[in-house]
PDB file of N, CA and C in Angstrom:
ATOM      1  N   MET A   1     -24.094  14.419   9.443  1.00  0.00           N
ATOM      2  CA  MET A   1     -22.637  14.358   9.439  1.00  0.00           C
ATOM      3  C   MET A   1     -22.191  13.596   8.200  1.00  0.00           C
ATOM      4  N   SER A   2     -21.401  14.231   7.373  1.00  0.00           N
ATOM      5  CA  SER A   2     -20.885  13.588   6.165  1.00  0.00           C
ATOM      6  C   SER A   2     -19.492  13.039   6.425  1.00  0.00           C
ATOM      7  N   PHE A   3     -19.388  11.736   6.460  1.00  0.00           N
ATOM      8  CA  PHE A   3     -18.096  11.095   6.653  1.00  0.00           C
ATOM      9  C   PHE A   3     -17.183  11.316   5.452  1.00  0.00           C
ATOM     10  N   GLU A   4     -17.763  11.632   4.304  1.00  0.00           N
ATOM     11  CA  GLU A   4     -16.981  11.815   3.085  1.00  0.00           C
ATOM     12  C   GLU A   4     -16.014  12.996   3.185  1.00  0.00           C
ATOM     13  N   LYS A   5     -16.311  13.946   4.040  1.00  0.00           N
ATOM     14  CA  LYS A   5     -15.479  15.148   4.164  1.00  0.00           C
ATOM     15  C   LYS A   5     -14.446  15.038   5.284  1.00  0.00           C
ATOM     16  N   MET A   6     -14.486  13.968   6.058  1.00  0.00           N
ATOM     17  CA  MET A   6     -13.563  13.798   7.175  1.00  0.00           C
ATOM     18  C   MET A   6     -12.267  13.150   6.690  1.00  0.00           C
ATOM     19  N   GLY A   7     -11.153  13.568   7.260  1.00  0.00           N
ATOM     20  CA  GLY A   7      -9.864  13.003   6.903  1.00  0.00           C
ATOM     21  C   GLY A   7      -9.655  11.626   7.519  1.00  0.00           C
ATOM     22  N   ASP A   8      -8.753  10.864   6.924  1.00  0.00           N
ATOM     23  CA  ASP A   8      -8.457   9.519   7.427  1.00  0.00           C
ATOM     24  C   ASP A   8      -8.058   9.544   8.900  1.00  0.00           C
ATOM     25  N   GLN A   9      -7.114  10.416   9.269  1.00  0.00           N
ATOM     26  CA  GLN A   9      -6.633  10.423  10.649  1.00  0.00           C
ATOM     27  C   GLN A   9      -7.754  10.756  11.627  1.00  0.00           C
ATOM     28  N   GLN A  10      -8.625  11.667  11.248  1.00  0.00           N
ATOM     29  CA  GLN A  10      -9.759  12.010  12.110  1.00  0.00           C
ATOM     30  C   GLN A  10     -10.648  10.787  12.329  1.00  0.00           C
ATOM     31  N   LEU A  11     -10.872  10.021  11.275  1.00  0.00           N
ATOM     32  CA  LEU A  11     -11.715   8.821  11.390  1.00  0.00           C
ATOM     33  C   LEU A  11     -11.025   7.723  12.197  1.00  0.00           C
ATOM     34  N   TRP A  12      -9.712   7.530  11.986  1.00  0.00           N
ATOM     35  CA  TRP A  12      -8.981   6.545  12.807  1.00  0.00           C
ATOM     36  C   TRP A  12      -9.013   6.948  14.275  1.00  0.00           C
ATOM     37  N   ASP A  13      -8.903   8.255  14.548  1.00  0.00           N
ATOM     38  CA  ASP A  13      -8.926   8.740  15.932  1.00  0.00           C
ATOM     39  C   ASP A  13     -10.268   8.503  16.604  1.00  0.00           C
ATOM     40  N   ILE A  14     -11.318   8.461  15.837  1.00  0.00           N
ATOM     41  CA  ILE A  14     -12.654   8.145  16.366  1.00  0.00           C
ATOM     42  C   ILE A  14     -12.816   6.637  16.525  1.00  0.00           C
ATOM     43  N   ALA A  15     -12.422   5.895  15.506  1.00  0.00           N
ATOM     44  CA  ALA A  15     -12.681   4.447  15.452  1.00  0.00           C
ATOM     45  C   ALA A  15     -11.814   3.637  16.401  1.00  0.00           C
ATOM     46  N   ASN A  16     -10.533   3.966  16.511  1.00  0.00           N
ATOM     47  CA  ASN A  16      -9.632   3.130  17.318  1.00  0.00           C
ATOM     48  C   ASN A  16     -10.038   3.002  18.781  1.00  0.00           C
ATOM     49  N   PRO A  17     -10.374   4.084  19.487  1.00  0.00           N
ATOM     50  CA  PRO A  17     -10.794   3.898  20.885  1.00  0.00           C
ATOM     51  C   PRO A  17     -12.077   3.088  21.020  1.00  0.00           C
ATOM     52  N   ILE A  18     -12.969   3.217  20.067  1.00  0.00           N
ATOM     53  CA  ILE A  18     -14.205   2.435  20.107  1.00  0.00           C
ATOM     54  C   ILE A  18     -13.886   0.958  19.925  1.00  0.00           C
ATOM     55  N   MET A  19     -13.026   0.638  18.945  1.00  0.00           N
ATOM     56  CA  MET A  19     -12.651  -0.762  18.731  1.00  0.00           C
ATOM     57  C   MET A  19     -11.841  -1.296  19.906  1.00  0.00           C
ATOM     58  N   ASP A  20     -10.969  -0.466  20.483  1.00  0.00           N
ATOM     59  CA  ASP A  20     -10.219  -0.889  21.676  1.00  0.00           C
ATOM     60  C   ASP A  20     -11.184  -1.313  22.776  1.00  0.00           C
ATOM     61  N   ASN A  21     -12.217  -0.512  23.003  1.00  0.00           N
ATOM     62  CA  ASN A  21     -13.205  -0.837  24.026  1.00  0.00           C
ATOM     63  C   ASN A  21     -13.934  -2.142  23.701  1.00  0.00           C
ATOM     64  N   LEU A  22     -14.325  -2.317  22.451  1.00  0.00           N
ATOM     65  CA  LEU A  22     -15.034  -3.537  22.064  1.00  0.00           C
ATOM     66  C   LEU A  22     -14.190  -4.769  22.337  1.00  0.00           C
ATOM     67  N   MET A  23     -12.931  -4.711  21.963  1.00  0.00           N
ATOM     68  CA  MET A  23     -12.053  -5.865  22.134  1.00  0.00           C
ATOM     69  C   MET A  23     -11.730  -6.102  23.603  1.00  0.00           C
ATOM     70  N   ASP A  24     -11.494  -5.040  24.348  1.00  0.00           N
ATOM     71  CA  ASP A  24     -11.230  -5.176  25.781  1.00  0.00           C
ATOM     72  C   ASP A  24     -12.443  -5.760  26.501  1.00  0.00           C
ATOM     73  N   ALA A  25     -13.616  -5.251  26.174  1.00  0.00           N
ATOM     74  CA  ALA A  25     -14.844  -5.734  26.822  1.00  0.00           C
ATOM     75  C   ALA A  25     -15.124  -7.190  26.481  1.00  0.00           C
ATOM     76  N   SER A  26     -14.832  -7.609  25.256  1.00  0.00           N
ATOM     77  CA  SER A  26     -15.072  -9.007  24.907  1.00  0.00           C
ATOM     78  C   SER A  26     -14.056  -9.910  25.596  1.00  0.00           C
ATOM     79  N   THR A  27     -12.836  -9.444  25.763  1.00  0.00           N
ATOM     80  CA  THR A  27     -11.835 -10.219  26.504  1.00  0.00           C
ATOM     81  C   THR A  27     -12.279 -10.396  27.948  1.00  0.00           C
ATOM     82  N   GLN A  28     -12.845  -9.351  28.534  1.00  0.00           N
ATOM     83  CA  GLN A  28     -13.312  -9.379  29.923  1.00  0.00           C
ATOM     84  C   GLN A  28     -14.693 -10.017  30.078  1.00  0.00           C
ATOM     85  N   LEU A  29     -15.323 -10.353  28.964  1.00  0.00           N
ATOM     86  CA  LEU A  29     -16.698 -10.877  28.954  1.00  0.00           C
ATOM     87  C   LEU A  29     -17.662  -9.900  29.634  1.00  0.00           C
ATOM     88  N   ASP A  30     -17.494  -8.617  29.347  1.00  0.00           N
ATOM     89  CA  ASP A  30     -18.299  -7.544  29.934  1.00  0.00           C
ATOM     90  C   ASP A  30     -19.285  -7.019  28.887  1.00  0.00           C
ATOM     91  N   HIS A  31     -20.480  -7.571  28.892  1.00  0.00           N
ATOM     92  CA  HIS A  31     -21.486  -7.233  27.890  1.00  0.00           C
ATOM     93  C   HIS A  31     -21.848  -5.751  27.915  1.00  0.00           C
ATOM     94  N   ALA A  32     -22.104  -5.200  29.086  1.00  0.00           N
ATOM     95  CA  ALA A  32     -22.525  -3.796  29.181  1.00  0.00           C
ATOM     96  C   ALA A  32     -21.470  -2.868  28.583  1.00  0.00           C
ATOM     97  N   LYS A  33     -20.218  -3.118  28.884  1.00  0.00           N
ATOM     98  CA  LYS A  33     -19.130  -2.311  28.327  1.00  0.00           C
ATOM     99  C   LYS A  33     -19.035  -2.511  26.818  1.00  0.00           C
ATOM    100  N   HIS A  34     -19.231  -3.743  26.371  1.00  0.00           N
ATOM    101  CA  HIS A  34     -19.111  -4.065  24.955  1.00  0.00           C
ATOM    102  C   HIS A  34     -20.148  -3.325  24.105  1.00  0.00           C
ATOM    103  N   VAL A  35     -21.356  -3.219  24.581  1.00  0.00           N
ATOM    104  CA  VAL A  35     -22.438  -2.637  23.767  1.00  0.00           C
ATOM    105  C   VAL A  35     -22.670  -1.144  24.026  1.00  0.00           C
ATOM    106  N   ARG A  36     -21.833  -0.514  24.807  1.00  0.00           N
ATOM    107  CA  ARG A  36     -22.087   0.888  25.188  1.00  0.00           C
ATOM    108  C   ARG A  36     -22.149   1.836  23.995  1.00  0.00           C
ATOM    109  N   ASP A  37     -21.435   1.538  22.902  1.00  0.00           N
ATOM    110  CA  ASP A  37     -21.431   2.396  21.719  1.00  0.00           C
ATOM    111  C   ASP A  37     -22.244   1.805  20.566  1.00  0.00           C
ATOM    112  N   PHE A  38     -23.087   0.834  20.855  1.00  0.00           N
ATOM    113  CA  PHE A  38     -23.883   0.173  19.812  1.00  0.00           C
ATOM    114  C   PHE A  38     -25.165   0.955  19.527  1.00  0.00           C
ATOM    115  N   THR A  39     -25.582   0.902  18.246  1.00  0.00           N
ATOM    116  CA  THR A  39     -26.907   1.400  17.897  1.00  0.00           C
ATOM    117  C   THR A  39     -27.945   0.470  18.536  1.00  0.00           C
ATOM    118  N   GLU A  40     -29.163   0.926  18.599  1.00  0.00           N
ATOM    119  CA  GLU A  40     -30.229   0.076  19.143  1.00  0.00           C
ATOM    120  C   GLU A  40     -30.370  -1.205  18.316  1.00  0.00           C
ATOM    121  N   ARG A  41     -30.185  -1.106  17.015  1.00  0.00           N
ATOM    122  CA  ARG A  41     -30.250  -2.286  16.146  1.00  0.00           C
ATOM    123  C   ARG A  41     -29.213  -3.318  16.575  1.00  0.00           C
ATOM    124  N   MET A  42     -27.988  -2.877  16.836  1.00  0.00           N
ATOM    125  CA  MET A  42     -26.922  -3.796  17.251  1.00  0.00           C
ATOM    126  C   MET A  42     -27.171  -4.361  18.647  1.00  0.00           C
ATOM    127  N   LYS A  43     -27.670  -3.525  19.541  1.00  0.00           N
ATOM    128  CA  LYS A  43     -27.960  -4.011  20.894  1.00  0.00           C
ATOM    129  C   LYS A  43     -29.005  -5.121  20.868  1.00  0.00           C
ATOM    130  N   ALA A  44     -29.949  -5.033  19.945  1.00  0.00           N
ATOM    131  CA  ALA A  44     -30.973  -6.065  19.833  1.00  0.00           C
ATOM    132  C   ALA A  44     -30.377  -7.392  19.350  1.00  0.00           C
ATOM    133  N   ILE A  45     -29.318  -7.329  18.573  1.00  0.00           N
ATOM    134  CA  ILE A  45     -28.672  -8.533  18.049  1.00  0.00           C
ATOM    135  C   ILE A  45     -27.733  -9.147  19.081  1.00  0.00           C
ATOM    136  N   VAL A  46     -26.933  -8.308  19.721  1.00  0.00           N
ATOM    137  CA  VAL A  46     -25.896  -8.799  20.633  1.00  0.00           C
ATOM    138  C   VAL A  46     -26.454  -8.835  22.059  1.00  0.00           C
ATOM    139  N   THR A  47     -27.242  -9.842  22.314  1.00  0.00           N
ATOM    140  CA  THR A  47     -27.810 -10.049  23.641  1.00  0.00           C
ATOM    141  C   THR A  47     -26.716 -10.562  24.581  1.00  0.00           C
ATOM    142  N   PRO A  48     -26.920 -10.484  25.887  1.00  0.00           N
ATOM    143  CA  PRO A  48     -25.911 -11.024  26.807  1.00  0.00           C
ATOM    144  C   PRO A  48     -25.579 -12.497  26.543  1.00  0.00           C
ATOM    145  N   GLU A  49     -26.585 -13.289  26.231  1.00  0.00           N
ATOM    146  CA  GLU A  49     -26.357 -14.720  25.982  1.00  0.00           C
ATOM    147  C   GLU A  49     -25.549 -14.938  24.706  1.00  0.00           C
ATOM    148  N   TYR A  50     -25.901 -14.231  23.650  1.00  0.00           N
ATOM    149  CA  TYR A  50     -25.177 -14.322  22.383  1.00  0.00           C
ATOM    150  C   TYR A  50     -23.729 -13.884  22.579  1.00  0.00           C
ATOM    151  N   PHE A  51     -23.537 -12.778  23.265  1.00  0.00           N
ATOM    152  CA  PHE A  51     -22.209 -12.236  23.536  1.00  0.00           C
ATOM    153  C   PHE A  51     -21.336 -13.257  24.271  1.00  0.00           C
ATOM    154  N   GLN A  52     -21.852 -13.844  25.335  1.00  0.00           N
ATOM    155  CA  GLN A  52     -21.103 -14.849  26.100  1.00  0.00           C
ATOM    156  C   GLN A  52     -20.690 -16.027  25.220  1.00  0.00           C
ATOM    157  N   ARG A  53     -21.621 -16.524  24.435  1.00  0.00           N
ATOM    158  CA  ARG A  53     -21.355 -17.690  23.593  1.00  0.00           C
ATOM    159  C   ARG A  53     -20.283 -17.390  22.553  1.00  0.00           C
ATOM    160  N   ILE A  54     -20.406 -16.266  21.876  1.00  0.00           N
ATOM    161  CA  ILE A  54     -19.450 -15.897  20.826  1.00  0.00           C
ATOM    162  C   ILE A  54     -18.061 -15.660  21.411  1.00  0.00           C
ATOM    163  N   CYS A  55     -17.980 -14.927  22.521  1.00  0.00           N
ATOM    164  CA  CYS A  55     -16.676 -14.627  23.126  1.00  0.00           C
ATOM    165  C   CYS A  55     -15.993 -15.896  23.624  1.00  0.00           C
ATOM    166  N   GLN A  56     -16.733 -16.756  24.277  1.00  0.00           N
ATOM    167  CA  GLN A  56     -16.139 -18.004  24.766  1.00  0.00           C
ATOM    168  C   GLN A  56     -15.666 -18.876  23.606  1.00  0.00           C
ATOM    169  N   GLN A  57     -16.406 -18.868  22.516  1.00  0.00           N
ATOM    170  CA  GLN A  57     -16.027 -19.654  21.344  1.00  0.00           C
ATOM    171  C   GLN A  57     -14.740 -19.131  20.715  1.00  0.00           C
ATOM    172  N   TYR A  58     -14.666 -17.825  20.441  1.00  0.00           N
ATOM    173  CA  TYR A  58     -13.456 -17.319  19.788  1.00  0.00           C
ATOM    174  C   TYR A  58     -12.248 -17.414  20.723  1.00  0.00           C
ATOM    175  N   GLN A  59     -12.439 -17.211  22.028  1.00  0.00           N
ATOM    176  CA  GLN A  59     -11.314 -17.301  22.953  1.00  0.00           C
ATOM    177  C   GLN A  59     -10.765 -18.724  23.025  1.00  0.00           C
ATOM    178  N   ALA A  60     -11.642 -19.717  22.982  1.00  0.00           N
ATOM    179  CA  ALA A  60     -11.199 -21.116  23.002  1.00  0.00           C
ATOM    180  C   ALA A  60     -10.467 -21.475  21.714  1.00  0.00           C
ATOM    181  N   GLU A  61     -10.953 -20.987  20.583  1.00  0.00           N
ATOM    182  CA  GLU A  61     -10.370 -21.349  19.286  1.00  0.00           C
ATOM    183  C   GLU A  61      -9.158 -20.500  18.907  1.00  0.00           C
ATOM    184  N   LYS A  62      -9.238 -19.187  19.155  1.00  0.00           N
ATOM    185  CA  LYS A  62      -8.232 -18.263  18.632  1.00  0.00           C
ATOM    186  C   LYS A  62      -7.400 -17.580  19.703  1.00  0.00           C
ATOM    187  N   GLY A  63      -7.828 -17.639  20.936  1.00  0.00           N
ATOM    188  CA  GLY A  63      -7.157 -16.904  21.993  1.00  0.00           C
ATOM    189  C   GLY A  63      -7.752 -15.516  22.128  1.00  0.00           C
ATOM    190  N   TYR A  64      -6.907 -14.575  22.484  1.00  0.00           N
ATOM    191  CA  TYR A  64      -7.365 -13.203  22.683  1.00  0.00           C
ATOM    192  C   TYR A  64      -6.885 -12.320  21.535  1.00  0.00           C
ATOM    193  N   PHE A  65      -7.491 -11.151  21.420  1.00  0.00           N
ATOM    194  CA  PHE A  65      -7.070 -10.209  20.393  1.00  0.00           C
ATOM    195  C   PHE A  65      -5.648  -9.757  20.679  1.00  0.00           C
ATOM    196  N   SER A  66      -4.873  -9.643  19.629  1.00  0.00           N
ATOM    197  CA  SER A  66      -3.484  -9.212  19.744  1.00  0.00           C
ATOM    198  C   SER A  66      -3.316  -7.925  18.928  1.00  0.00           C
ATOM    199  N   THR A  67      -2.318  -7.846  18.098  1.00  0.00           N
ATOM    200  CA  THR A  67      -2.060  -6.616  17.352  1.00  0.00           C
ATOM    201  C   THR A  67      -3.130  -6.340  16.299  1.00  0.00           C
ATOM    202  N   ARG A  68      -3.331  -5.054  16.055  1.00  0.00           N
ATOM    203  CA  ARG A  68      -4.307  -4.611  15.061  1.00  0.00           C
ATOM    204  C   ARG A  68      -3.659  -3.491  14.255  1.00  0.00           C
ATOM    205  N   MET A  69      -3.706  -3.628  12.947  1.00  0.00           N
ATOM    206  CA  MET A  69      -3.080  -2.647  12.057  1.00  0.00           C
ATOM    207  C   MET A  69      -4.130  -2.047  11.121  1.00  0.00           C
ATOM    208  N   PRO A  70      -4.115  -0.733  10.930  1.00  0.00           N
ATOM    209  CA  PRO A  70      -5.074  -0.093  10.025  1.00  0.00           C
ATOM    210  C   PRO A  70      -4.885  -0.573   8.583  1.00  0.00           C
ATOM    211  N   VAL A  71      -6.008  -0.754   7.893  1.00  0.00           N
ATOM    212  CA  VAL A  71      -5.979  -1.159   6.482  1.00  0.00           C
ATOM    213  C   VAL A  71      -6.695  -0.138   5.608  1.00  0.00           C
ATOM    214  N   ALA A  72      -7.952   0.179   5.944  1.00  0.00           N
ATOM    215  CA  ALA A  72      -8.727   1.028   5.038  1.00  0.00           C
ATOM    216  C   ALA A  72      -9.838   1.761   5.761  1.00  0.00           C
ATOM    217  N   VAL A  73     -10.173   2.914   5.196  1.00  0.00           N
ATOM    218  CA  VAL A  73     -11.335   3.700   5.593  1.00  0.00           C
ATOM    219  C   VAL A  73     -12.207   3.805   4.358  1.00  0.00           C
ATOM    220  N   LEU A  74     -13.438   3.347   4.454  1.00  0.00           N
ATOM    221  CA  LEU A  74     -14.373   3.365   3.325  1.00  0.00           C
ATOM    222  C   LEU A  74     -15.530   4.294   3.682  1.00  0.00           C
ATOM    223  N   ARG A  75     -15.563   5.437   3.033  1.00  0.00           N
ATOM    224  CA  ARG A  75     -16.548   6.466   3.368  1.00  0.00           C
ATOM    225  C   ARG A  75     -17.836   6.318   2.568  1.00  0.00           C
ATOM    226  N   ARG A  76     -18.912   6.633   3.246  1.00  0.00           N
ATOM    227  CA  ARG A  76     -20.231   6.733   2.637  1.00  0.00           C
ATOM    228  C   ARG A  76     -20.832   8.033   3.173  1.00  0.00           C
ATOM    229  N   PRO A  77     -21.878   8.539   2.570  1.00  0.00           N
ATOM    230  CA  PRO A  77     -22.446   9.792   3.091  1.00  0.00           C
ATOM    231  C   PRO A  77     -22.889   9.698   4.552  1.00  0.00           C
ATOM    232  N   ASP A  78     -23.485   8.577   4.951  1.00  0.00           N
ATOM    233  CA  ASP A  78     -24.064   8.470   6.288  1.00  0.00           C
ATOM    234  C   ASP A  78     -23.362   7.490   7.209  1.00  0.00           C
ATOM    235  N   SER A  79     -22.259   6.894   6.762  1.00  0.00           N
ATOM    236  CA  SER A  79     -21.528   5.941   7.602  1.00  0.00           C
ATOM    237  C   SER A  79     -20.103   5.809   7.086  1.00  0.00           C
ATOM    238  N   VAL A  80     -19.303   5.143   7.881  1.00  0.00           N
ATOM    239  CA  VAL A  80     -17.933   4.859   7.469  1.00  0.00           C
ATOM    240  C   VAL A  80     -17.610   3.425   7.895  1.00  0.00           C
ATOM    241  N   ALA A  81     -16.971   2.686   6.999  1.00  0.00           N
ATOM    242  CA  ALA A  81     -16.497   1.335   7.315  1.00  0.00           C
ATOM    243  C   ALA A  81     -14.993   1.429   7.548  1.00  0.00           C
ATOM    244  N   ILE A  82     -14.563   0.888   8.671  1.00  0.00           N
ATOM    245  CA  ILE A  82     -13.158   0.898   9.050  1.00  0.00           C
ATOM    246  C   ILE A  82     -12.669  -0.549   9.038  1.00  0.00           C
ATOM    247  N   VAL A  83     -11.500  -0.783   8.435  1.00  0.00           N
ATOM    248  CA  VAL A  83     -10.975  -2.143   8.311  1.00  0.00           C
ATOM    249  C   VAL A  83      -9.556  -2.188   8.876  1.00  0.00           C
ATOM    250  N   TRP A  84      -9.294  -3.211   9.695  1.00  0.00           N
ATOM    251  CA  TRP A  84      -7.976  -3.449  10.264  1.00  0.00           C
ATOM    252  C   TRP A  84      -7.528  -4.872   9.934  1.00  0.00           C
ATOM    253  N   LYS A  85      -6.217  -5.093   9.956  1.00  0.00           N
ATOM    254  CA  LYS A  85      -5.640  -6.435   9.958  1.00  0.00           C
ATOM    255  C   LYS A  85      -5.505  -6.814  11.431  1.00  0.00           C
ATOM    256  N   GLN A  86      -6.060  -7.961  11.812  1.00  0.00           N
ATOM    257  CA  GLN A  86      -6.142  -8.353  13.216  1.00  0.00           C
ATOM    258  C   GLN A  86      -5.394  -9.660  13.458  1.00  0.00           C
ATOM    259  N   SER A  87      -4.693  -9.736  14.596  1.00  0.00           N
ATOM    260  CA  SER A  87      -4.045 -10.971  15.023  1.00  0.00           C
ATOM    261  C   SER A  87      -4.669 -11.454  16.322  1.00  0.00           C
ATOM    262  N   PHE A  88      -4.506 -12.755  16.576  1.00  0.00           N
ATOM    263  CA  PHE A  88      -4.940 -13.367  17.831  1.00  0.00           C
ATOM    264  C   PHE A  88      -3.732 -13.988  18.526  1.00  0.00           C
ATOM    265  N   THR A  89      -3.880 -14.286  19.808  1.00  0.00           N
ATOM    266  CA  THR A  89      -2.766 -14.850  20.569  1.00  0.00           C
ATOM    267  C   THR A  89      -2.523 -16.322  20.277  1.00  0.00           C
ATOM    268  N   LYS A  90      -3.541 -17.079  19.873  1.00  0.00           N
ATOM    269  CA  LYS A  90      -3.369 -18.517  19.628  1.00  0.00           C
ATOM    270  C   LYS A  90      -3.441 -18.904  18.155  1.00  0.00           C
ATOM    271  N   ALA A  91      -4.253 -18.243  17.395  1.00  0.00           N
ATOM    272  CA  ALA A  91      -4.488 -18.630  16.002  1.00  0.00           C
ATOM    273  C   ALA A  91      -3.450 -17.976  15.085  1.00  0.00           C
ATOM    274  N   PRO A  92      -2.803 -18.778  14.248  1.00  0.00           N
ATOM    275  CA  PRO A  92      -1.859 -18.183  13.299  1.00  0.00           C
ATOM    276  C   PRO A  92      -2.600 -17.486  12.164  1.00  0.00           C
ATOM    277  N   GLY A  93      -1.898 -16.619  11.468  1.00  0.00           N
ATOM    278  CA  GLY A  93      -2.473 -15.969  10.296  1.00  0.00           C
ATOM    279  C   GLY A  93      -3.039 -14.607  10.604  1.00  0.00           C
ATOM    280  N   GLU A  94      -3.584 -14.012   9.557  1.00  0.00           N
ATOM    281  CA  GLU A  94      -4.148 -12.668   9.629  1.00  0.00           C
ATOM    282  C   GLU A  94      -5.664 -12.729   9.487  1.00  0.00           C
ATOM    283  N   PHE A  95      -6.330 -11.907  10.262  1.00  0.00           N
ATOM    284  CA  PHE A  95      -7.785 -11.836  10.250  1.00  0.00           C
ATOM    285  C   PHE A  95      -8.202 -10.408   9.907  1.00  0.00           C
ATOM    286  N   VAL A  96      -9.472 -10.233   9.606  1.00  0.00           N
ATOM    287  CA  VAL A  96     -10.030  -8.918   9.311  1.00  0.00           C
ATOM    288  C   VAL A  96     -10.906  -8.493  10.485  1.00  0.00           C
ATOM    289  N   ALA A  97     -10.684  -7.286  10.966  1.00  0.00           N
ATOM    290  CA  ALA A  97     -11.587  -6.652  11.921  1.00  0.00           C
ATOM    291  C   ALA A  97     -12.228  -5.490  11.179  1.00  0.00           C
ATOM    292  N   GLU A  98     -13.546  -5.410  11.244  1.00  0.00           N
ATOM    293  CA  GLU A  98     -14.230  -4.310  10.560  1.00  0.00           C
ATOM    294  C   GLU A  98     -15.331  -3.755  11.444  1.00  0.00           C
ATOM    295  N   MET A  99     -15.576  -2.462  11.246  1.00  0.00           N
ATOM    296  CA  MET A  99     -16.595  -1.781  12.030  1.00  0.00           C
ATOM    297  C   MET A  99     -17.245  -0.715  11.155  1.00  0.00           C
ATOM    298  N   VAL A 100     -18.560  -0.592  11.259  1.00  0.00           N
ATOM    299  CA  VAL A 100     -19.285   0.475  10.573  1.00  0.00           C
ATOM    300  C   VAL A 100     -19.787   1.438  11.638  1.00  0.00           C
ATOM    301  N   LEU A 101     -19.421   2.704  11.459  1.00  0.00           N
ATOM    302  CA  LEU A 101     -19.855   3.754  12.374  1.00  0.00           C
ATOM    303  C   LEU A 101     -20.879   4.649  11.703  1.00  0.00           C
ATOM    304  N   VAL A 102     -21.844   5.090  12.501  1.00  0.00           N
ATOM    305  CA  VAL A 102     -22.809   6.095  12.083  1.00  0.00           C
ATOM    306  C   VAL A 102     -22.745   7.233  13.102  1.00  0.00           C
ATOM    307  N   HIS A 103     -23.287   8.380  12.729  1.00  0.00           N
ATOM    308  CA  HIS A 103     -23.297   9.523  13.632  1.00  0.00           C
ATOM    309  C   HIS A 103     -24.751   9.947  13.846  1.00  0.00           C
ATOM    310  N   LYS A 104     -25.191   9.890  15.104  1.00  0.00           N
ATOM    311  CA  LYS A 104     -26.566  10.283  15.439  1.00  0.00           C
ATOM    312  C   LYS A 104     -26.566  10.997  16.778  1.00  0.00           C
ATOM    313  N   ASN A 105     -27.330  12.051  16.869  1.00  0.00           N
ATOM    314  CA  ASN A 105     -27.488  12.797  18.119  1.00  0.00           C
ATOM    315  C   ASN A 105     -26.147  13.204  18.724  1.00  0.00           C
ATOM    316  N   GLY A 106     -25.208  13.627  17.869  1.00  0.00           N
ATOM    317  CA  GLY A 106     -23.932  14.125  18.341  1.00  0.00           C
ATOM    318  C   GLY A 106     -22.938  13.077  18.802  1.00  0.00           C
ATOM    319  N   LYS A 107     -23.196  11.794  18.513  1.00  0.00           N
ATOM    320  CA  LYS A 107     -22.325  10.712  18.975  1.00  0.00           C
ATOM    321  C   LYS A 107     -22.084   9.712  17.855  1.00  0.00           C
ATOM    322  N   TYR A 108     -20.941   9.052  17.905  1.00  0.00           N
ATOM    323  CA  TYR A 108     -20.623   7.985  16.950  1.00  0.00           C
ATOM    324  C   TYR A 108     -21.078   6.658  17.544  1.00  0.00           C
ATOM    325  N   TRP A 109     -21.767   5.868  16.714  1.00  0.00           N
ATOM    326  CA  TRP A 109     -22.340   4.602  17.147  1.00  0.00           C
ATOM    327  C   TRP A 109     -21.882   3.475  16.216  1.00  0.00           C
ATOM    328  N   VAL A 110     -21.681   2.305  16.784  1.00  0.00           N
ATOM    329  CA  VAL A 110     -21.320   1.124  16.010  1.00  0.00           C
ATOM    330  C   VAL A 110     -22.605   0.498  15.479  1.00  0.00           C
ATOM    331  N   ASP A 111     -22.710   0.390  14.158  1.00  0.00           N
ATOM    332  CA  ASP A 111     -23.891  -0.233  13.551  1.00  0.00           C
ATOM    333  C   ASP A 111     -23.571  -1.610  12.969  1.00  0.00           C
ATOM    334  N   HIS A 112     -22.295  -1.970  12.948  1.00  0.00           N
ATOM    335  CA  HIS A 112     -21.873  -3.320  12.551  1.00  0.00           C
ATOM    336  C   HIS A 112     -20.437  -3.489  12.986  1.00  0.00           C
ATOM    337  N   VAL A 113     -20.100  -4.678  13.442  1.00  0.00           N
ATOM    338  CA  VAL A 113     -18.717  -4.990  13.801  1.00  0.00           C
ATOM    339  C   VAL A 113     -18.526  -6.491  13.685  1.00  0.00           C
ATOM    340  N   MET A 114     -17.353  -6.888  13.186  1.00  0.00           N
ATOM    341  CA  MET A 114     -17.092  -8.308  13.039  1.00  0.00           C
ATOM    342  C   MET A 114     -15.592  -8.534  12.920  1.00  0.00           C
ATOM    343  N   VAL A 115     -15.146  -9.669  13.381  1.00  0.00           N
ATOM    344  CA  VAL A 115     -13.772 -10.125  13.163  1.00  0.00           C
ATOM    345  C   VAL A 115     -13.890 -11.492  12.523  1.00  0.00           C
ATOM    346  N   PHE A 116     -13.217 -11.639  11.366  1.00  0.00           N
ATOM    347  CA  PHE A 116     -13.268 -12.922  10.661  1.00  0.00           C
ATOM    348  C   PHE A 116     -11.942 -13.212   9.989  1.00  0.00           C
TER     349      PHE A 116
END
């Protein structure tokens, strides 16, 4: 699957529901839901213990995820990086939410995700 040939709207339509699920699952502290679209590489990194610690830390410091606005789609032959402007309920200012998607076995998988 060549992400280079896909239109922006098509990529946003794929990425947004996946990111919505990630953020909802982290708010709920639901590890299984959070990693459902992860590659095996990502699942090995985001263990249940790691997930709990990170979510509790960001929720205490920043609150919960709030509004998210599209910023950029960065295409590569075998992956796409999606970037949003992200807000939190407690922390002032603007943050970056980013996700790298790959396509394998007919499905889109998260191979990297971070909010900073």
